[in-house]
Amino acid sequence: MKKYTTVFIDRDGTIGGDGHYQSVDEFPIYSYSIAAITRLKSSELHVYALTNQTHIATGDMDYQELFDSLIDMGFDDAFIYPHTAESNCHCRKPAQGLILRA
């Protein structure tokens, strides 16, 4: 039987928000998200955030502030795509570059 060791979770629309960009200060986390992350971690799983955040490239969001907010929510690490969609980078989800980096 294969044992899973890692869970990857998106930010917008998965742990909170409405599926669209919201600043760190305006991002409403769902009431159950912290408990769910904690429960996954108590099962000896690594829990990583993976998120496309093109608003970093436009200056509307700060990379470090976003990273810190995800760590504060309980994630073990965060992998953030900070470029615009037009950059055509292999790291933008759903491409596999970001998850390979993780």
PDB file of N, CA and C in Angstrom:
ATOM      1  N   MET A   1       0.848  -1.178   0.000  1.00  0.00           N
ATOM      2  CA  MET A   1       0.000   0.000   0.000  1.00  0.00           C
ATOM      3  C   MET A   1       0.894   1.242   0.000  1.00  0.00           C
ATOM      4  N   LYS A   2       0.577   2.170  -0.875  1.00  0.00           N
ATOM      5  CA  LYS A   2       1.348   3.403  -0.988  1.00  0.00           C
ATOM      6  C   LYS A   2       0.964   4.370   0.129  1.00  0.00           C
ATOM      7  N   LYS A   3       1.982   4.917   0.799  1.00  0.00           N
ATOM      8  CA  LYS A   3       1.737   5.885   1.861  1.00  0.00           C
ATOM      9  C   LYS A   3       2.000   7.288   1.327  1.00  0.00           C
ATOM     10  N   TYR A   4       1.025   8.165   1.485  1.00  0.00           N
ATOM     11  CA  TYR A   4       1.186   9.543   1.071  1.00  0.00           C
ATOM     12  C   TYR A   4       1.909  10.324   2.157  1.00  0.00           C
ATOM     13  N   THR A   5       2.753  11.264   1.735  1.00  0.00           N
ATOM     14  CA  THR A   5       3.541  12.032   2.691  1.00  0.00           C
ATOM     15  C   THR A   5       3.273  13.533   2.617  1.00  0.00           C
ATOM     16  N   THR A   6       2.617  13.972   1.555  1.00  0.00           N
ATOM     17  CA  THR A   6       2.500  15.400   1.301  1.00  0.00           C
ATOM     18  C   THR A   6       1.125  15.749   0.741  1.00  0.00           C
ATOM     19  N   VAL A   7       0.616  16.901   1.166  1.00  0.00           N
ATOM     20  CA  VAL A   7      -0.635  17.443   0.637  1.00  0.00           C
ATOM     21  C   VAL A   7      -0.338  18.851   0.131  1.00  0.00           C
ATOM     22  N   PHE A   8      -0.807  19.156  -1.072  1.00  0.00           N
ATOM     23  CA  PHE A   8      -0.660  20.486  -1.660  1.00  0.00           C
ATOM     24  C   PHE A   8      -2.035  21.144  -1.687  1.00  0.00           C
ATOM     25  N   ILE A   9      -2.099  22.372  -1.178  1.00  0.00           N
ATOM     26  CA  ILE A   9      -3.377  23.069  -1.083  1.00  0.00           C
ATOM     27  C   ILE A   9      -3.247  24.455  -1.705  1.00  0.00           C
ATOM     28  N   ASP A  10      -4.210  24.817  -2.539  1.00  0.00           N
ATOM     29  CA  ASP A  10      -4.271  26.140  -3.142  1.00  0.00           C
ATOM     30  C   ASP A  10      -4.842  27.124  -2.117  1.00  0.00           C
ATOM     31  N   ARG A  11      -4.659  28.403  -2.354  1.00  0.00           N
ATOM     32  CA  ARG A  11      -5.131  29.440  -1.431  1.00  0.00           C
ATOM     33  C   ARG A  11      -6.537  29.916  -1.769  1.00  0.00           C
ATOM     34  N   ASP A  12      -6.675  30.614  -2.887  1.00  0.00           N
ATOM     35  CA  ASP A  12      -7.907  31.324  -3.221  1.00  0.00           C
ATOM     36  C   ASP A  12      -9.039  30.372  -3.595  1.00  0.00           C
ATOM     37  N   GLY A  13     -10.078  30.379  -2.769  1.00  0.00           N
ATOM     38  CA  GLY A  13     -11.233  29.532  -3.009  1.00  0.00           C
ATOM     39  C   GLY A  13     -11.100  28.137  -2.415  1.00  0.00           C
ATOM     40  N   THR A  14      -9.945  27.821  -1.845  1.00  0.00           N
ATOM     41  CA  THR A  14      -9.747  26.497  -1.251  1.00  0.00           C
ATOM     42  C   THR A  14      -9.687  26.583   0.270  1.00  0.00           C
ATOM     43  N   ILE A  15      -8.845  27.478   0.799  1.00  0.00           N
ATOM     44  CA  ILE A  15      -8.801  27.654   2.253  1.00  0.00           C
ATOM     45  C   ILE A  15      -9.540  28.923   2.688  1.00  0.00           C
ATOM     46  N   GLY A  16      -9.954  29.709   1.715  1.00  0.00           N
ATOM     47  CA  GLY A  16     -10.681  30.936   2.032  1.00  0.00           C
ATOM     48  C   GLY A  16     -10.907  31.765   0.788  1.00  0.00           C
ATOM     49  N   GLY A  17     -11.461  32.928   0.986  1.00  0.00           N
ATOM     50  CA  GLY A  17     -11.717  33.823  -0.135  1.00  0.00           C
ATOM     51  C   GLY A  17     -12.846  33.346  -1.016  1.00  0.00           C
ATOM     52  N   ASP A  18     -12.920  33.939  -2.185  1.00  0.00           N
ATOM     53  CA  ASP A  18     -13.998  33.592  -3.111  1.00  0.00           C
ATOM     54  C   ASP A  18     -13.470  33.030  -4.431  1.00  0.00           C
ATOM     55  N   GLY A  19     -12.211  32.642  -4.432  1.00  0.00           N
ATOM     56  CA  GLY A  19     -11.621  32.079  -5.644  1.00  0.00           C
ATOM     57  C   GLY A  19     -10.907  33.102  -6.489  1.00  0.00           C
ATOM     58  N   HIS A  20     -10.963  34.364  -6.100  1.00  0.00           N
ATOM     59  CA  HIS A  20     -10.310  35.434  -6.834  1.00  0.00           C
ATOM     60  C   HIS A  20      -9.340  36.162  -5.898  1.00  0.00           C
ATOM     61  N   TYR A  21      -8.533  36.999  -6.479  1.00  0.00           N
ATOM     62  CA  TYR A  21      -7.524  37.724  -5.711  1.00  0.00           C
ATOM     63  C   TYR A  21      -8.137  38.521  -4.569  1.00  0.00           C
ATOM     64  N   GLN A  22      -7.525  38.387  -3.410  1.00  0.00           N
ATOM     65  CA  GLN A  22      -7.812  39.245  -2.262  1.00  0.00           C
ATOM     66  C   GLN A  22      -6.490  39.465  -1.542  1.00  0.00           C
ATOM     67  N   SER A  23      -6.249  40.684  -1.108  1.00  0.00           N
ATOM     68  CA  SER A  23      -5.014  40.991  -0.405  1.00  0.00           C
ATOM     69  C   SER A  23      -4.924  40.163   0.874  1.00  0.00           C
ATOM     70  N   VAL A  24      -3.728  40.086   1.435  1.00  0.00           N
ATOM     71  CA  VAL A  24      -3.523  39.342   2.673  1.00  0.00           C
ATOM     72  C   VAL A  24      -4.447  39.879   3.762  1.00  0.00           C
ATOM     73  N   ASP A  25      -4.560  41.198   3.870  1.00  0.00           N
ATOM     74  CA  ASP A  25      -5.400  41.805   4.908  1.00  0.00           C
ATOM     75  C   ASP A  25      -6.888  41.555   4.700  1.00  0.00           C
ATOM     76  N   GLU A  26      -7.321  41.395   3.463  1.00  0.00           N
ATOM     77  CA  GLU A  26      -8.747  41.224   3.155  1.00  0.00           C
ATOM     78  C   GLU A  26      -9.142  39.768   2.945  1.00  0.00           C
ATOM     79  N   PHE A  27      -8.191  38.844   3.083  1.00  0.00           N
ATOM     80  CA  PHE A  27      -8.452  37.439   2.781  1.00  0.00           C
ATOM     81  C   PHE A  27      -9.168  36.755   3.942  1.00  0.00           C
ATOM     82  N   PRO A  28     -10.451  36.367   3.744  1.00  0.00           N
ATOM     83  CA  PRO A  28     -11.177  35.680   4.813  1.00  0.00           C
ATOM     84  C   PRO A  28     -10.940  34.172   4.727  1.00  0.00           C
ATOM     85  N   ILE A  29     -10.278  33.629   5.733  1.00  0.00           N
ATOM     86  CA  ILE A  29     -10.040  32.186   5.760  1.00  0.00           C
ATOM     87  C   ILE A  29     -11.312  31.488   6.238  1.00  0.00           C
ATOM     88  N   TYR A  30     -11.625  30.339   5.643  1.00  0.00           N
ATOM     89  CA  TYR A  30     -12.806  29.588   6.062  1.00  0.00           C
ATOM     90  C   TYR A  30     -12.629  29.128   7.510  1.00  0.00           C
ATOM     91  N   SER A  31     -13.703  29.021   8.229  1.00  0.00           N
ATOM     92  CA  SER A  31     -13.659  28.702   9.667  1.00  0.00           C
ATOM     93  C   SER A  31     -12.994  27.354   9.959  1.00  0.00           C
ATOM     94  N   TYR A  32     -13.032  26.439   9.025  1.00  0.00           N
ATOM     95  CA  TYR A  32     -12.496  25.090   9.244  1.00  0.00           C
ATOM     96  C   TYR A  32     -11.085  24.887   8.692  1.00  0.00           C
ATOM     97  N   SER A  33     -10.525  25.864   8.003  1.00  0.00           N
ATOM     98  CA  SER A  33      -9.253  25.665   7.307  1.00  0.00           C
ATOM     99  C   SER A  33      -8.080  25.402   8.237  1.00  0.00           C
ATOM    100  N   ILE A  34      -7.930  26.182   9.291  1.00  0.00           N
ATOM    101  CA  ILE A  34      -6.805  25.988  10.220  1.00  0.00           C
ATOM    102  C   ILE A  34      -6.893  24.601  10.859  1.00  0.00           C
ATOM    103  N   ALA A  35      -8.092  24.215  11.280  1.00  0.00           N
ATOM    104  CA  ALA A  35      -8.274  22.893  11.894  1.00  0.00           C
ATOM    105  C   ALA A  35      -7.949  21.784  10.898  1.00  0.00           C
ATOM    106  N   ALA A  36      -8.312  21.965   9.643  1.00  0.00           N
ATOM    107  CA  ALA A  36      -8.026  20.955   8.624  1.00  0.00           C
ATOM    108  C   ALA A  36      -6.521  20.823   8.383  1.00  0.00           C
ATOM    109  N   ILE A  37      -5.824  21.962   8.306  1.00  0.00           N
ATOM    110  CA  ILE A  37      -4.366  21.933   8.122  1.00  0.00           C
ATOM    111  C   ILE A  37      -3.711  21.254   9.321  1.00  0.00           C
ATOM    112  N   THR A  38      -4.157  21.598  10.514  1.00  0.00           N
ATOM    113  CA  THR A  38      -3.614  20.997  11.735  1.00  0.00           C
ATOM    114  C   THR A  38      -3.857  19.490  11.762  1.00  0.00           C
ATOM    115  N   ARG A  39      -5.029  19.089  11.360  1.00  0.00           N
ATOM    116  CA  ARG A  39      -5.365  17.651  11.345  1.00  0.00           C
ATOM    117  C   ARG A  39      -4.502  16.885  10.349  1.00  0.00           C
ATOM    118  N   LEU A  40      -4.289  17.471   9.179  1.00  0.00           N
ATOM    119  CA  LEU A  40      -3.412  16.830   8.193  1.00  0.00           C
ATOM    120  C   LEU A  40      -2.001  16.682   8.752  1.00  0.00           C
ATOM    121  N   LYS A  41      -1.511  17.736   9.383  1.00  0.00           N
ATOM    122  CA  LYS A  41      -0.159  17.697   9.942  1.00  0.00           C
ATOM    123  C   LYS A  41      -0.052  16.701  11.098  1.00  0.00           C
ATOM    124  N   SER A  42      -1.110  16.554  11.874  1.00  0.00           N
ATOM    125  CA  SER A  42      -1.085  15.594  12.982  1.00  0.00           C
ATOM    126  C   SER A  42      -1.079  14.153  12.464  1.00  0.00           C
ATOM    127  N   SER A  43      -1.413  13.976  11.206  1.00  0.00           N
ATOM    128  CA  SER A  43      -1.352  12.664  10.551  1.00  0.00           C
ATOM    129  C   SER A  43       0.010  12.435   9.908  1.00  0.00           C
ATOM    130  N   GLU A  44       0.977  13.271  10.284  1.00  0.00           N
ATOM    131  CA  GLU A  44       2.350  13.184   9.804  1.00  0.00           C
ATOM    132  C   GLU A  44       2.479  13.475   8.301  1.00  0.00           C
ATOM    133  N   LEU A  45       1.592  14.312   7.808  1.00  0.00           N
ATOM    134  CA  LEU A  45       1.679  14.758   6.417  1.00  0.00           C
ATOM    135  C   LEU A  45       2.344  16.126   6.376  1.00  0.00           C
ATOM    136  N   HIS A  46       3.129  16.361   5.335  1.00  0.00           N
ATOM    137  CA  HIS A  46       3.637  17.700   5.065  1.00  0.00           C
ATOM    138  C   HIS A  46       2.533  18.438   4.325  1.00  0.00           C
ATOM    139  N   VAL A  47       2.257  19.659   4.720  1.00  0.00           N
ATOM    140  CA  VAL A  47       1.166  20.425   4.120  1.00  0.00           C
ATOM    141  C   VAL A  47       1.760  21.691   3.512  1.00  0.00           C
ATOM    142  N   TYR A  48       1.687  21.786   2.188  1.00  0.00           N
ATOM    143  CA  TYR A  48       2.279  22.892   1.452  1.00  0.00           C
ATOM    144  C   TYR A  48       1.201  23.695   0.737  1.00  0.00           C
ATOM    145  N   ALA A  49       1.382  25.003   0.726  1.00  0.00           N
ATOM    146  CA  ALA A  49       0.522  25.884  -0.059  1.00  0.00           C
ATOM    147  C   ALA A  49       1.159  26.071  -1.434  1.00  0.00           C
ATOM    148  N   LEU A  50       0.355  25.971  -2.474  1.00  0.00           N
ATOM    149  CA  LEU A  50       0.770  26.274  -3.847  1.00  0.00           C
ATOM    150  C   LEU A  50      -0.245  27.272  -4.384  1.00  0.00           C
ATOM    151  N   THR A  51       0.239  28.409  -4.881  1.00  0.00           N
ATOM    152  CA  THR A  51      -0.712  29.424  -5.318  1.00  0.00           C
ATOM    153  C   THR A  51      -0.143  30.294  -6.434  1.00  0.00           C
ATOM    154  N   ASN A  52      -0.977  30.589  -7.409  1.00  0.00           N
ATOM    155  CA  ASN A  52      -0.652  31.588  -8.427  1.00  0.00           C
ATOM    156  C   ASN A  52      -1.063  32.942  -7.861  1.00  0.00           C
ATOM    157  N   GLN A  53      -0.133  33.896  -7.845  1.00  0.00           N
ATOM    158  CA  GLN A  53      -0.458  35.233  -7.341  1.00  0.00           C
ATOM    159  C   GLN A  53       0.181  36.271  -8.250  1.00  0.00           C
ATOM    160  N   THR A  54      -0.452  36.501  -9.385  1.00  0.00           N
ATOM    161  CA  THR A  54       0.083  37.443 -10.364  1.00  0.00           C
ATOM    162  C   THR A  54       0.113  38.874  -9.832  1.00  0.00           C
ATOM    163  N   HIS A  55      -0.618  39.129  -8.773  1.00  0.00           N
ATOM    164  CA  HIS A  55      -0.663  40.483  -8.213  1.00  0.00           C
ATOM    165  C   HIS A  55       0.642  40.876  -7.527  1.00  0.00           C
ATOM    166  N   ILE A  56       1.525  39.917  -7.322  1.00  0.00           N
ATOM    167  CA  ILE A  56       2.865  40.243  -6.828  1.00  0.00           C
ATOM    168  C   ILE A  56       3.623  40.980  -7.926  1.00  0.00           C
ATOM    169  N   ALA A  57       3.514  40.485  -9.164  1.00  0.00           N
ATOM    170  CA  ALA A  57       4.213  41.106 -10.300  1.00  0.00           C
ATOM    171  C   ALA A  57       3.709  42.520 -10.571  1.00  0.00           C
ATOM    172  N   THR A  58       2.434  42.757 -10.314  1.00  0.00           N
ATOM    173  CA  THR A  58       1.868  44.085 -10.580  1.00  0.00           C
ATOM    174  C   THR A  58       2.067  45.042  -9.402  1.00  0.00           C
ATOM    175  N   GLY A  59       2.615  44.536  -8.292  1.00  0.00           N
ATOM    176  CA  GLY A  59       2.871  45.373  -7.137  1.00  0.00           C
ATOM    177  C   GLY A  59       1.701  45.517  -6.181  1.00  0.00           C
ATOM    178  N   ASP A  60       0.614  44.785  -6.420  1.00  0.00           N
ATOM    179  CA  ASP A  60      -0.554  44.871  -5.560  1.00  0.00           C
ATOM    180  C   ASP A  60      -0.459  43.964  -4.338  1.00  0.00           C
ATOM    181  N   MET A  61       0.544  43.092  -4.309  1.00  0.00           N
ATOM    182  CA  MET A  61       0.725  42.166  -3.198  1.00  0.00           C
ATOM    183  C   MET A  61       2.218  41.993  -2.960  1.00  0.00           C
ATOM    184  N   ASP A  62       2.603  41.826  -1.708  1.00  0.00           N
ATOM    185  CA  ASP A  62       3.999  41.622  -1.349  1.00  0.00           C
ATOM    186  C   ASP A  62       4.262  40.120  -1.161  1.00  0.00           C
ATOM    187  N   TYR A  63       5.284  39.607  -1.830  1.00  0.00           N
ATOM    188  CA  TYR A  63       5.606  38.181  -1.774  1.00  0.00           C
ATOM    189  C   TYR A  63       5.823  37.725  -0.337  1.00  0.00           C
ATOM    190  N   GLN A  64       6.675  38.415   0.391  1.00  0.00           N
ATOM    191  CA  GLN A  64       7.023  37.973   1.748  1.00  0.00           C
ATOM    192  C   GLN A  64       5.819  38.023   2.676  1.00  0.00           C
ATOM    193  N   GLU A  65       4.996  39.049   2.526  1.00  0.00           N
ATOM    194  CA  GLU A  65       3.791  39.164   3.344  1.00  0.00           C
ATOM    195  C   GLU A  65       2.847  37.983   3.090  1.00  0.00           C
ATOM    196  N   LEU A  66       2.679  37.612   1.815  1.00  0.00           N
ATOM    197  CA  LEU A  66       1.837  36.469   1.479  1.00  0.00           C
ATOM    198  C   LEU A  66       2.443  35.185   2.030  1.00  0.00           C
ATOM    199  N   PHE A  67       3.741  35.002   1.812  1.00  0.00           N
ATOM    200  CA  PHE A  67       4.420  33.804   2.304  1.00  0.00           C
ATOM    201  C   PHE A  67       4.229  33.680   3.820  1.00  0.00           C
ATOM    202  N   ASP A  68       4.498  34.752   4.544  1.00  0.00           N
ATOM    203  CA  ASP A  68       4.368  34.737   6.000  1.00  0.00           C
ATOM    204  C   ASP A  68       2.941  34.418   6.436  1.00  0.00           C
ATOM    205  N   SER A  69       1.948  34.952   5.727  1.00  0.00           N
ATOM    206  CA  SER A  69       0.551  34.698   6.095  1.00  0.00           C
ATOM    207  C   SER A  69       0.206  33.218   5.934  1.00  0.00           C
ATOM    208  N   LEU A  70       0.759  32.575   4.922  1.00  0.00           N
ATOM    209  CA  LEU A  70       0.504  31.142   4.709  1.00  0.00           C
ATOM    210  C   LEU A  70       1.186  30.295   5.781  1.00  0.00           C
ATOM    211  N   ILE A  71       2.393  30.666   6.149  1.00  0.00           N
ATOM    212  CA  ILE A  71       3.093  29.959   7.228  1.00  0.00           C
ATOM    213  C   ILE A  71       2.332  30.148   8.544  1.00  0.00           C
ATOM    214  N   ASP A  72       1.830  31.363   8.783  1.00  0.00           N
ATOM    215  CA  ASP A  72       1.052  31.639   9.999  1.00  0.00           C
ATOM    216  C   ASP A  72      -0.224  30.804  10.063  1.00  0.00           C
ATOM    217  N   MET A  73      -0.762  30.411   8.913  1.00  0.00           N
ATOM    218  CA  MET A  73      -1.954  29.565   8.881  1.00  0.00           C
ATOM    219  C   MET A  73      -1.630  28.109   9.228  1.00  0.00           C
ATOM    220  N   GLY A  74      -0.343  27.770   9.240  1.00  0.00           N
ATOM    221  CA  GLY A  74       0.052  26.415   9.607  1.00  0.00           C
ATOM    222  C   GLY A  74       0.714  25.611   8.511  1.00  0.00           C
ATOM    223  N   PHE A  75       0.830  26.173   7.317  1.00  0.00           N
ATOM    224  CA  PHE A  75       1.498  25.440   6.240  1.00  0.00           C
ATOM    225  C   PHE A  75       2.969  25.229   6.593  1.00  0.00           C
ATOM    226  N   ASP A  76       3.510  24.088   6.188  1.00  0.00           N
ATOM    227  CA  ASP A  76       4.928  23.801   6.395  1.00  0.00           C
ATOM    228  C   ASP A  76       5.803  24.652   5.493  1.00  0.00           C
ATOM    229  N   ASP A  77       5.319  24.946   4.318  1.00  0.00           N
ATOM    230  CA  ASP A  77       6.040  25.785   3.361  1.00  0.00           C
ATOM    231  C   ASP A  77       5.028  26.303   2.353  1.00  0.00           C
ATOM    232  N   ALA A  78       5.420  27.312   1.603  1.00  0.00           N
ATOM    233  CA  ALA A  78       4.538  27.890   0.591  1.00  0.00           C
ATOM    234  C   ALA A  78       5.327  28.088  -0.697  1.00  0.00           C
ATOM    235  N   PHE A  79       4.721  27.722  -1.795  1.00  0.00           N
ATOM    236  CA  PHE A  79       5.322  27.863  -3.117  1.00  0.00           C
ATOM    237  C   PHE A  79       4.393  28.754  -3.924  1.00  0.00           C
ATOM    238  N   ILE A  80       4.920  29.908  -4.299  1.00  0.00           N
ATOM    239  CA  ILE A  80       4.102  30.987  -4.849  1.00  0.00           C
ATOM    240  C   ILE A  80       4.585  31.331  -6.249  1.00  0.00           C
ATOM    241  N   TYR A  81       3.651  31.349  -7.202  1.00  0.00           N
ATOM    242  CA  TYR A  81       3.946  31.801  -8.554  1.00  0.00           C
ATOM    243  C   TYR A  81       3.660  33.296  -8.605  1.00  0.00           C
ATOM    244  N   PRO A  82       4.705  34.145  -8.703  1.00  0.00           N
ATOM    245  CA  PRO A  82       4.509  35.588  -8.575  1.00  0.00           C
ATOM    246  C   PRO A  82       4.466  36.362  -9.887  1.00  0.00           C
ATOM    247  N   HIS A  83       4.441  35.693 -11.024  1.00  0.00           N
ATOM    248  CA  HIS A  83       4.528  36.377 -12.319  1.00  0.00           C
ATOM    249  C   HIS A  83       3.146  36.532 -12.952  1.00  0.00           C
ATOM    250  N   THR A  84       3.070  37.345 -13.983  1.00  0.00           N
ATOM    251  CA  THR A  84       1.803  37.479 -14.713  1.00  0.00           C
ATOM    252  C   THR A  84       1.599  36.249 -15.593  1.00  0.00           C
ATOM    253  N   ALA A  85       0.367  36.007 -15.948  1.00  0.00           N
ATOM    254  CA  ALA A  85       0.044  34.865 -16.804  1.00  0.00           C
ATOM    255  C   ALA A  85       0.727  34.982 -18.160  1.00  0.00           C
ATOM    256  N   GLU A  86       0.953  36.199 -18.613  1.00  0.00           N
ATOM    257  CA  GLU A  86       1.564  36.433 -19.920  1.00  0.00           C
ATOM    258  C   GLU A  86       3.041  36.027 -19.966  1.00  0.00           C
ATOM    259  N   SER A  87       3.662  35.810 -18.824  1.00  0.00           N
ATOM    260  CA  SER A  87       5.074  35.414 -18.819  1.00  0.00           C
ATOM    261  C   SER A  87       5.264  33.999 -19.363  1.00  0.00           C
ATOM    262  N   ASN A  88       4.169  33.234 -19.438  1.00  0.00           N
ATOM    263  CA  ASN A  88       4.181  31.899 -20.030  1.00  0.00           C
ATOM    264  C   ASN A  88       5.223  30.993 -19.370  1.00  0.00           C
ATOM    265  N   CYS A  89       5.367  31.103 -18.074  1.00  0.00           N
ATOM    266  CA  CYS A  89       6.340  30.330 -17.302  1.00  0.00           C
ATOM    267  C   CYS A  89       5.783  28.941 -17.008  1.00  0.00           C
ATOM    268  N   HIS A  90       6.653  27.951 -16.959  1.00  0.00           N
ATOM    269  CA  HIS A  90       6.237  26.573 -16.679  1.00  0.00           C
ATOM    270  C   HIS A  90       5.855  26.360 -15.208  1.00  0.00           C
ATOM    271  N   CYS A  91       6.036  27.389 -14.395  1.00  0.00           N
ATOM    272  CA  CYS A  91       5.697  27.278 -12.967  1.00  0.00           C
ATOM    273  C   CYS A  91       4.263  27.679 -12.652  1.00  0.00           C
ATOM    274  N   ARG A  92       3.566  28.273 -13.595  1.00  0.00           N
ATOM    275  CA  ARG A  92       2.188  28.695 -13.336  1.00  0.00           C
ATOM    276  C   ARG A  92       1.257  27.490 -13.355  1.00  0.00           C
ATOM    277  N   LYS A  93       0.517  27.304 -12.259  1.00  0.00           N
ATOM    278  CA  LYS A  93      -0.455  26.210 -12.234  1.00  0.00           C
ATOM    279  C   LYS A  93      -1.466  26.438 -13.353  1.00  0.00           C
ATOM    280  N   PRO A  94      -1.885  25.450 -14.058  1.00  0.00           N
ATOM    281  CA  PRO A  94      -1.775  24.030 -13.762  1.00  0.00           C
ATOM    282  C   PRO A  94      -0.504  23.354 -14.307  1.00  0.00           C
ATOM    283  N   ALA A  95       0.435  24.085 -14.873  1.00  0.00           N
ATOM    284  CA  ALA A  95       1.689  23.458 -15.290  1.00  0.00           C
ATOM    285  C   ALA A  95       2.381  22.876 -14.048  1.00  0.00           C
ATOM    286  N   GLN A  96       3.303  21.999 -14.256  1.00  0.00           N
ATOM    287  CA  GLN A  96       3.858  21.257 -13.130  1.00  0.00           C
ATOM    288  C   GLN A  96       5.102  21.878 -12.473  1.00  0.00           C
ATOM    289  N   GLY A  97       5.609  22.978 -12.975  1.00  0.00           N
ATOM    290  CA  GLY A  97       6.852  23.548 -12.451  1.00  0.00           C
ATOM    291  C   GLY A  97       6.822  23.885 -10.975  1.00  0.00           C
ATOM    292  N   LEU A  98       5.727  24.461 -10.494  1.00  0.00           N
ATOM    293  CA  LEU A  98       5.641  24.856  -9.095  1.00  0.00           C
ATOM    294  C   LEU A  98       5.625  23.632  -8.178  1.00  0.00           C
ATOM    295  N   ILE A  99       4.901  22.621  -8.562  1.00  0.00           N
ATOM    296  CA  ILE A  99       4.835  21.414  -7.730  1.00  0.00           C
ATOM    297  C   ILE A  99       6.158  20.654  -7.781  1.00  0.00           C
ATOM    298  N   LEU A 100       6.848  20.691  -8.901  1.00  0.00           N
ATOM    299  CA  LEU A 100       8.157  20.051  -8.970  1.00  0.00           C
ATOM    300  C   LEU A 100       9.156  20.770  -8.068  1.00  0.00           C
ATOM    301  N   ARG A 101       9.059  22.090  -8.011  1.00  0.00           N
ATOM    302  CA  ARG A 101       9.915  22.868  -7.116  1.00  0.00           C
ATOM    303  C   ARG A 101       9.646  22.509  -5.654  1.00  0.00           C
ATOM    304  N   ALA A 102       8.376  22.307  -5.348  1.00  0.00           N
ATOM    305  CA  ALA A 102       8.005  21.929  -3.967  1.00  0.00           C
ATOM    306  C   ALA A 102       8.566  20.557  -3.637  1.00  0.00           C
TER     307      ALA A 102
END
